[in-house]
Amino acid sequence: MSRRKKDPSGLDSLKTAGQSSQESEESREELEGQLVMSGITLIISGTLFLYFLRAVFYSDFLVNFSVDAIVGTLALIFLVRSLRTKYRLLKHSALRSYSIQMDVASFILAALLRLFWQIPFDFSLPILTISYFFQRRRWSREGI
């Protein structure tokens, strides 16, 4: 049973001469799975953090400030960790700048709509979800 070496960032190194195509396919599927999990975590934690920002902005807390602050802080921690994981996975990819642009644009748009537009429907979750699916479609087109 052969062991694959991992590079310092924790990712499998690129396909070497002795590595079979099955191992390469498994590492690609593992990378895709990690990207999917970080994307889902980004959507959930980003939405929760935007809810917290709106509650602070309007002083309209779900329970009280302390409980909302704990949830908002945890959401921010998960958001930053999943962003770091996602960009670490895309470190050597040409899609890294595209992903950064999409994430920044979607979070700014979702925050602006969530904070300044008083409507009964929340657009932050659909915006972040649409951004994720656009990025995922681009990853599949590029072969990640």
N, C-alpha and C. Protein backbone atom coordinates (compact mmCIF):
# COMPACT_ATOMS: atom_id res chain seq x y z
N MET A 1 0.85 -1.17 0.00
CA MET A 1 0.00 0.00 0.00
C MET A 1 0.90 1.23 0.00
N SER A 2 0.75 2.06 -0.99
CA SER A 2 1.61 3.23 -1.10
C SER A 2 1.01 4.39 -0.32
N ARG A 3 1.89 5.23 0.19
CA ARG A 3 1.45 6.42 0.91
C ARG A 3 1.77 7.62 0.06
N ARG A 4 0.84 8.55 0.01
CA ARG A 4 1.05 9.78 -0.74
C ARG A 4 1.60 10.83 0.21
N LYS A 5 2.55 11.60 -0.27
CA LYS A 5 3.09 12.69 0.52
C LYS A 5 2.18 13.89 0.40
N LYS A 6 2.09 14.62 1.47
CA LYS A 6 1.30 15.84 1.46
C LYS A 6 2.24 17.03 1.50
N ASP A 7 1.87 18.07 0.79
CA ASP A 7 2.69 19.26 0.83
C ASP A 7 2.38 20.04 2.10
N PRO A 8 3.15 21.08 2.42
CA PRO A 8 2.98 21.81 3.68
C PRO A 8 1.59 22.41 3.87
N SER A 9 0.89 22.73 2.82
CA SER A 9 -0.43 23.33 2.97
C SER A 9 -1.49 22.27 3.28
N GLY A 10 -1.12 20.99 3.30
CA GLY A 10 -2.07 19.95 3.63
C GLY A 10 -2.74 19.34 2.42
N LEU A 11 -2.42 19.81 1.24
CA LEU A 11 -3.04 19.29 0.03
C LEU A 11 -2.14 18.23 -0.58
N ASP A 12 -2.75 17.33 -1.30
CA ASP A 12 -1.97 16.33 -2.01
C ASP A 12 -1.15 17.02 -3.09
N SER A 13 0.07 16.58 -3.23
CA SER A 13 0.89 17.16 -4.28
C SER A 13 0.35 16.76 -5.64
N LEU A 14 0.75 17.49 -6.65
CA LEU A 14 0.27 17.20 -8.00
C LEU A 14 0.66 15.80 -8.42
N LYS A 15 0.00 15.31 -9.42
CA LYS A 15 0.21 13.95 -9.88
C LYS A 15 1.67 13.73 -10.26
N THR A 16 2.26 12.72 -9.65
CA THR A 16 3.64 12.37 -9.97
C THR A 16 3.65 11.22 -10.96
N ALA A 17 4.84 10.88 -11.42
CA ALA A 17 4.95 9.85 -12.44
C ALA A 17 4.46 8.49 -11.93
N GLY A 18 4.66 8.19 -10.64
CA GLY A 18 4.27 6.90 -10.09
C GLY A 18 2.83 6.86 -9.61
N GLN A 19 2.15 7.96 -9.62
CA GLN A 19 0.79 8.01 -9.09
C GLN A 19 -0.20 7.57 -10.16
N SER A 20 -1.11 6.72 -9.78
CA SER A 20 -2.08 6.22 -10.76
C SER A 20 -3.18 7.23 -11.00
N SER A 21 -3.91 7.04 -12.07
CA SER A 21 -5.01 7.95 -12.38
C SER A 21 -6.13 7.83 -11.36
N GLN A 22 -6.27 6.66 -10.74
CA GLN A 22 -7.29 6.49 -9.72
C GLN A 22 -6.96 7.34 -8.49
N GLU A 23 -5.69 7.38 -8.10
CA GLU A 23 -5.29 8.22 -6.97
C GLU A 23 -5.48 9.69 -7.30
N SER A 24 -5.21 10.06 -8.55
CA SER A 24 -5.40 11.44 -8.96
C SER A 24 -6.87 11.81 -8.92
N GLU A 25 -7.73 10.91 -9.37
CA GLU A 25 -9.18 11.14 -9.33
C GLU A 25 -9.67 11.25 -7.89
N GLU A 26 -9.13 10.41 -7.00
CA GLU A 26 -9.52 10.46 -5.59
C GLU A 26 -9.11 11.79 -4.97
N SER A 27 -7.92 12.28 -5.28
CA SER A 27 -7.48 13.55 -4.71
C SER A 27 -8.29 14.71 -5.27
N ARG A 28 -8.70 14.63 -6.54
CA ARG A 28 -9.54 15.67 -7.12
C ARG A 28 -10.92 15.67 -6.46
N GLU A 29 -11.47 14.47 -6.22
CA GLU A 29 -12.77 14.37 -5.55
C GLU A 29 -12.67 14.87 -4.11
N GLU A 30 -11.55 14.60 -3.45
CA GLU A 30 -11.35 15.09 -2.08
C GLU A 30 -11.28 16.61 -2.06
N LEU A 31 -10.58 17.19 -3.03
CA LEU A 31 -10.50 18.64 -3.14
C LEU A 31 -11.88 19.24 -3.41
N GLU A 32 -12.63 18.62 -4.30
CA GLU A 32 -13.97 19.10 -4.61
C GLU A 32 -14.89 19.01 -3.39
N GLY A 33 -14.76 17.93 -2.63
CA GLY A 33 -15.56 17.78 -1.41
C GLY A 33 -15.23 18.84 -0.37
N GLN A 34 -13.95 19.15 -0.23
CA GLN A 34 -13.55 20.19 0.71
C GLN A 34 -14.04 21.56 0.26
N LEU A 35 -14.02 21.81 -1.04
CA LEU A 35 -14.53 23.08 -1.55
C LEU A 35 -16.04 23.19 -1.33
N VAL A 36 -16.76 22.10 -1.51
CA VAL A 36 -18.21 22.11 -1.29
C VAL A 36 -18.51 22.39 0.18
N MET A 37 -17.80 21.72 1.09
CA MET A 37 -18.04 21.94 2.52
C MET A 37 -17.69 23.37 2.93
N SER A 38 -16.60 23.91 2.41
CA SER A 38 -16.26 25.29 2.77
C SER A 38 -17.28 26.26 2.18
N GLY A 39 -17.81 25.96 1.00
CA GLY A 39 -18.84 26.81 0.41
C GLY A 39 -20.13 26.81 1.20
N ILE A 40 -20.55 25.65 1.64
CA ILE A 40 -21.77 25.56 2.45
C ILE A 40 -21.58 26.27 3.79
N THR A 41 -20.41 26.09 4.40
CA THR A 41 -20.13 26.77 5.65
C THR A 41 -20.09 28.28 5.47
N LEU A 42 -19.57 28.72 4.33
CA LEU A 42 -19.57 30.16 4.03
C LEU A 42 -20.98 30.72 3.94
N ILE A 43 -21.87 30.01 3.29
CA ILE A 43 -23.24 30.48 3.14
C ILE A 43 -23.92 30.59 4.50
N ILE A 44 -23.81 29.55 5.31
CA ILE A 44 -24.50 29.54 6.60
C ILE A 44 -23.91 30.57 7.54
N SER A 45 -22.59 30.57 7.70
CA SER A 45 -21.97 31.50 8.65
C SER A 45 -22.07 32.94 8.16
N GLY A 46 -21.98 33.16 6.86
CA GLY A 46 -22.13 34.51 6.33
C GLY A 46 -23.53 35.06 6.57
N THR A 47 -24.53 34.23 6.38
CA THR A 47 -25.91 34.65 6.62
C THR A 47 -26.13 34.97 8.10
N LEU A 48 -25.64 34.11 8.99
CA LEU A 48 -25.79 34.37 10.42
C LEU A 48 -25.07 35.64 10.84
N PHE A 49 -23.89 35.88 10.29
CA PHE A 49 -23.15 37.08 10.64
C PHE A 49 -23.88 38.33 10.13
N LEU A 50 -24.46 38.25 8.95
CA LEU A 50 -25.22 39.39 8.44
C LEU A 50 -26.47 39.65 9.29
N TYR A 51 -27.10 38.60 9.80
CA TYR A 51 -28.22 38.77 10.72
C TYR A 51 -27.76 39.51 11.98
N PHE A 52 -26.59 39.13 12.49
CA PHE A 52 -26.06 39.79 13.68
C PHE A 52 -25.74 41.26 13.39
N LEU A 53 -25.13 41.55 12.25
CA LEU A 53 -24.84 42.95 11.92
C LEU A 53 -26.11 43.79 11.84
N ARG A 54 -27.14 43.22 11.26
CA ARG A 54 -28.40 43.96 11.18
C ARG A 54 -28.98 44.19 12.57
N ALA A 55 -28.89 43.18 13.43
CA ALA A 55 -29.41 43.33 14.79
C ALA A 55 -28.65 44.41 15.55
N VAL A 56 -27.35 44.49 15.37
CA VAL A 56 -26.55 45.52 16.03
C VAL A 56 -26.89 46.89 15.43
N PHE A 57 -27.01 46.94 14.12
CA PHE A 57 -27.27 48.21 13.44
C PHE A 57 -28.61 48.82 13.87
N TYR A 58 -29.63 47.99 14.03
CA TYR A 58 -30.96 48.46 14.38
C TYR A 58 -31.33 48.25 15.86
N SER A 59 -30.42 47.70 16.66
CA SER A 59 -30.68 47.39 18.07
C SER A 59 -31.95 46.56 18.23
N ASP A 60 -32.11 45.60 17.37
CA ASP A 60 -33.28 44.73 17.37
C ASP A 60 -32.78 43.28 17.50
N PHE A 61 -32.51 42.87 18.73
CA PHE A 61 -31.89 41.58 18.98
C PHE A 61 -32.94 40.48 19.11
N LEU A 62 -32.56 39.28 18.70
CA LEU A 62 -33.48 38.15 18.75
C LEU A 62 -33.79 37.78 20.20
N VAL A 63 -32.75 37.59 21.01
CA VAL A 63 -32.94 37.28 22.43
C VAL A 63 -32.50 38.49 23.24
N ASN A 64 -31.21 38.71 23.29
CA ASN A 64 -30.64 39.93 23.85
C ASN A 64 -29.25 40.09 23.24
N PHE A 65 -28.59 41.19 23.57
CA PHE A 65 -27.31 41.47 22.92
C PHE A 65 -26.28 40.39 23.20
N SER A 66 -26.20 39.88 24.42
CA SER A 66 -25.18 38.90 24.78
C SER A 66 -25.30 37.62 23.96
N VAL A 67 -26.50 37.09 23.87
CA VAL A 67 -26.71 35.85 23.12
C VAL A 67 -26.46 36.08 21.64
N ASP A 68 -26.96 37.16 21.11
CA ASP A 68 -26.74 37.47 19.70
C ASP A 68 -25.26 37.72 19.41
N ALA A 69 -24.55 38.34 20.35
CA ALA A 69 -23.12 38.59 20.16
C ALA A 69 -22.32 37.28 20.13
N ILE A 70 -22.71 36.34 20.97
CA ILE A 70 -22.03 35.04 20.96
C ILE A 70 -22.25 34.34 19.62
N VAL A 71 -23.49 34.32 19.16
CA VAL A 71 -23.80 33.67 17.88
C VAL A 71 -23.11 34.41 16.73
N GLY A 72 -23.13 35.73 16.75
CA GLY A 72 -22.47 36.51 15.70
C GLY A 72 -20.97 36.31 15.68
N THR A 73 -20.36 36.23 16.86
CA THR A 73 -18.92 36.01 16.94
C THR A 73 -18.55 34.62 16.43
N LEU A 74 -19.31 33.62 16.83
CA LEU A 74 -19.05 32.26 16.32
C LEU A 74 -19.24 32.19 14.82
N ALA A 75 -20.25 32.87 14.31
CA ALA A 75 -20.47 32.88 12.86
C ALA A 75 -19.30 33.55 12.15
N LEU A 76 -18.78 34.64 12.72
CA LEU A 76 -17.63 35.31 12.11
C LEU A 76 -16.40 34.41 12.14
N ILE A 77 -16.19 33.69 13.22
CA ILE A 77 -15.05 32.77 13.31
C ILE A 77 -15.16 31.68 12.25
N PHE A 78 -16.35 31.07 12.13
CA PHE A 78 -16.55 30.04 11.11
C PHE A 78 -16.42 30.61 9.70
N LEU A 79 -16.87 31.83 9.51
CA LEU A 79 -16.77 32.49 8.20
C LEU A 79 -15.31 32.69 7.81
N VAL A 80 -14.50 33.20 8.72
CA VAL A 80 -13.09 33.44 8.43
C VAL A 80 -12.35 32.13 8.22
N ARG A 81 -12.64 31.13 9.03
CA ARG A 81 -11.96 29.84 8.87
C ARG A 81 -12.31 29.17 7.54
N SER A 82 -13.58 29.24 7.15
CA SER A 82 -13.95 28.61 5.88
C SER A 82 -13.41 29.40 4.69
N LEU A 83 -13.31 30.73 4.82
CA LEU A 83 -12.67 31.52 3.76
C LEU A 83 -11.19 31.15 3.63
N ARG A 84 -10.51 31.02 4.75
CA ARG A 84 -9.09 30.63 4.71
C ARG A 84 -8.91 29.25 4.11
N THR A 85 -9.80 28.32 4.47
CA THR A 85 -9.73 26.96 3.92
C THR A 85 -9.96 26.99 2.41
N LYS A 86 -10.95 27.73 1.99
CA LYS A 86 -11.27 27.80 0.56
C LYS A 86 -10.11 28.38 -0.24
N TYR A 87 -9.54 29.47 0.25
CA TYR A 87 -8.45 30.11 -0.50
C TYR A 87 -7.15 29.31 -0.40
N ARG A 88 -6.98 28.54 0.67
CA ARG A 88 -5.82 27.65 0.75
C ARG A 88 -5.96 26.53 -0.27
N LEU A 89 -7.17 26.02 -0.44
CA LEU A 89 -7.40 24.97 -1.43
C LEU A 89 -7.22 25.49 -2.86
N LEU A 90 -7.54 26.74 -3.08
CA LEU A 90 -7.41 27.34 -4.41
C LEU A 90 -6.10 28.10 -4.58
N LYS A 91 -5.14 27.86 -3.72
CA LYS A 91 -3.90 28.62 -3.71
C LYS A 91 -3.19 28.64 -5.06
N HIS A 92 -3.08 27.51 -5.69
CA HIS A 92 -2.35 27.41 -6.95
C HIS A 92 -3.27 27.39 -8.16
N SER A 93 -4.52 27.74 -7.96
CA SER A 93 -5.48 27.71 -9.05
C SER A 93 -5.64 29.09 -9.67
N ALA A 94 -5.97 29.12 -10.93
CA ALA A 94 -6.23 30.38 -11.61
C ALA A 94 -7.57 30.97 -11.17
N LEU A 95 -8.39 30.17 -10.51
CA LEU A 95 -9.71 30.63 -10.09
C LEU A 95 -9.72 31.33 -8.74
N ARG A 96 -8.56 31.46 -8.12
CA ARG A 96 -8.52 32.09 -6.79
C ARG A 96 -9.00 33.54 -6.85
N SER A 97 -8.50 34.31 -7.81
CA SER A 97 -8.92 35.71 -7.88
C SER A 97 -10.40 35.82 -8.23
N TYR A 98 -10.90 34.95 -9.08
CA TYR A 98 -12.33 34.94 -9.40
C TYR A 98 -13.15 34.65 -8.14
N SER A 99 -12.73 33.69 -7.35
CA SER A 99 -13.46 33.35 -6.13
C SER A 99 -13.43 34.49 -5.13
N ILE A 100 -12.30 35.15 -5.00
CA ILE A 100 -12.21 36.29 -4.09
C ILE A 100 -13.14 37.40 -4.54
N GLN A 101 -13.14 37.70 -5.83
CA GLN A 101 -14.02 38.75 -6.35
C GLN A 101 -15.49 38.41 -6.14
N MET A 102 -15.86 37.17 -6.41
CA MET A 102 -17.25 36.76 -6.22
C MET A 102 -17.66 36.82 -4.75
N ASP A 103 -16.79 36.38 -3.83
CA ASP A 103 -17.11 36.41 -2.42
C ASP A 103 -17.26 37.84 -1.91
N VAL A 104 -16.33 38.71 -2.28
CA VAL A 104 -16.38 40.10 -1.83
C VAL A 104 -17.63 40.78 -2.38
N ALA A 105 -17.89 40.60 -3.65
CA ALA A 105 -19.06 41.25 -4.26
C ALA A 105 -20.36 40.73 -3.65
N SER A 106 -20.47 39.43 -3.45
CA SER A 106 -21.71 38.88 -2.91
C SER A 106 -21.92 39.30 -1.46
N PHE A 107 -20.85 39.34 -0.66
CA PHE A 107 -21.01 39.76 0.73
C PHE A 107 -21.35 41.24 0.84
N ILE A 108 -20.75 42.07 0.00
CA ILE A 108 -21.07 43.50 0.02
C ILE A 108 -22.52 43.72 -0.41
N LEU A 109 -22.94 43.07 -1.48
CA LEU A 109 -24.32 43.20 -1.95
C LEU A 109 -25.31 42.69 -0.90
N ALA A 110 -25.02 41.52 -0.32
CA ALA A 110 -25.92 40.96 0.69
C ALA A 110 -25.98 41.85 1.93
N ALA A 111 -24.84 42.41 2.34
CA ALA A 111 -24.83 43.28 3.51
C ALA A 111 -25.60 44.57 3.24
N LEU A 112 -25.41 45.15 2.07
CA LEU A 112 -26.13 46.38 1.75
C LEU A 112 -27.64 46.15 1.70
N LEU A 113 -28.04 45.06 1.07
CA LEU A 113 -29.47 44.75 1.00
C LEU A 113 -30.03 44.41 2.38
N ARG A 114 -29.26 43.69 3.17
CA ARG A 114 -29.73 43.27 4.50
C ARG A 114 -29.83 44.46 5.45
N LEU A 115 -28.88 45.36 5.39
CA LEU A 115 -28.84 46.47 6.35
C LEU A 115 -29.71 47.65 5.96
N PHE A 116 -29.82 47.95 4.67
CA PHE A 116 -30.43 49.21 4.28
C PHE A 116 -31.76 49.10 3.54
N TRP A 117 -32.18 47.89 3.22
CA TRP A 117 -33.42 47.73 2.49
C TRP A 117 -34.41 47.02 3.39
N GLN A 118 -35.44 47.71 3.81
CA GLN A 118 -36.41 47.18 4.76
C GLN A 118 -37.55 46.47 4.03
N ILE A 119 -37.33 45.20 3.76
CA ILE A 119 -38.38 44.38 3.15
C ILE A 119 -38.54 43.12 3.98
N PRO A 120 -39.68 42.46 3.90
CA PRO A 120 -39.89 41.27 4.74
C PRO A 120 -39.07 40.06 4.30
N PHE A 121 -38.63 40.02 3.06
CA PHE A 121 -37.86 38.88 2.59
C PHE A 121 -36.37 39.18 2.68
N ASP A 122 -35.59 38.23 3.13
CA ASP A 122 -34.15 38.40 3.27
C ASP A 122 -33.45 37.92 2.00
N PHE A 123 -32.70 38.81 1.36
CA PHE A 123 -32.00 38.46 0.12
C PHE A 123 -30.58 37.97 0.34
N SER A 124 -30.06 38.02 1.56
CA SER A 124 -28.67 37.65 1.78
C SER A 124 -28.42 36.16 1.51
N LEU A 125 -29.31 35.31 1.96
CA LEU A 125 -29.13 33.87 1.72
C LEU A 125 -29.17 33.52 0.23
N PRO A 126 -30.17 33.99 -0.54
CA PRO A 126 -30.15 33.67 -1.98
C PRO A 126 -28.92 34.25 -2.70
N ILE A 127 -28.48 35.43 -2.32
CA ILE A 127 -27.30 36.03 -2.99
C ILE A 127 -26.06 35.18 -2.73
N LEU A 128 -25.84 34.79 -1.48
CA LEU A 128 -24.67 33.97 -1.16
C LEU A 128 -24.75 32.59 -1.80
N THR A 129 -25.96 32.04 -1.88
CA THR A 129 -26.14 30.73 -2.51
C THR A 129 -25.90 30.81 -4.02
N ILE A 130 -26.41 31.83 -4.66
CA ILE A 130 -26.19 32.00 -6.10
C ILE A 130 -24.70 32.19 -6.40
N SER A 131 -24.03 32.97 -5.58
CA SER A 131 -22.59 33.17 -5.74
C SER A 131 -21.84 31.83 -5.64
N TYR A 132 -22.23 31.01 -4.66
CA TYR A 132 -21.61 29.70 -4.49
C TYR A 132 -21.81 28.83 -5.73
N PHE A 133 -23.04 28.80 -6.27
CA PHE A 133 -23.30 27.95 -7.43
C PHE A 133 -22.59 28.46 -8.68
N PHE A 134 -22.45 29.77 -8.84
CA PHE A 134 -21.65 30.29 -9.96
C PHE A 134 -20.20 29.85 -9.84
N GLN A 135 -19.65 29.94 -8.63
CA GLN A 135 -18.27 29.51 -8.43
C GLN A 135 -18.11 28.02 -8.64
N ARG A 136 -19.06 27.24 -8.17
CA ARG A 136 -18.98 25.79 -8.33
C ARG A 136 -19.05 25.40 -9.80
N ARG A 137 -19.92 26.08 -10.56
CA ARG A 137 -20.00 25.80 -12.00
C ARG A 137 -18.67 26.12 -12.69
N ARG A 138 -18.05 27.20 -12.27
CA ARG A 138 -16.75 27.58 -12.86
C ARG A 138 -15.67 26.58 -12.47
N TRP A 139 -15.70 26.08 -11.22
CA TRP A 139 -14.73 25.07 -10.80
C TRP A 139 -14.87 23.83 -11.63
N SER A 140 -16.11 23.40 -11.88
CA SER A 140 -16.31 22.18 -12.67
C SER A 140 -15.90 22.37 -14.12
N ARG A 141 -16.10 23.57 -14.65
CA ARG A 141 -15.66 23.85 -16.03
C ARG A 141 -14.14 23.84 -16.14
N GLU A 142 -13.47 24.32 -15.09
CA GLU A 142 -12.01 24.41 -15.11
C GLU A 142 -11.35 23.10 -14.69
N GLY A 143 -12.14 22.13 -14.22
CA GLY A 143 -11.59 20.83 -13.90
C GLY A 143 -11.13 20.66 -12.47
N ILE A 144 -11.66 21.47 -11.57
CA ILE A 144 -11.28 21.29 -10.15
C ILE A 144 -12.25 20.33 -9.52
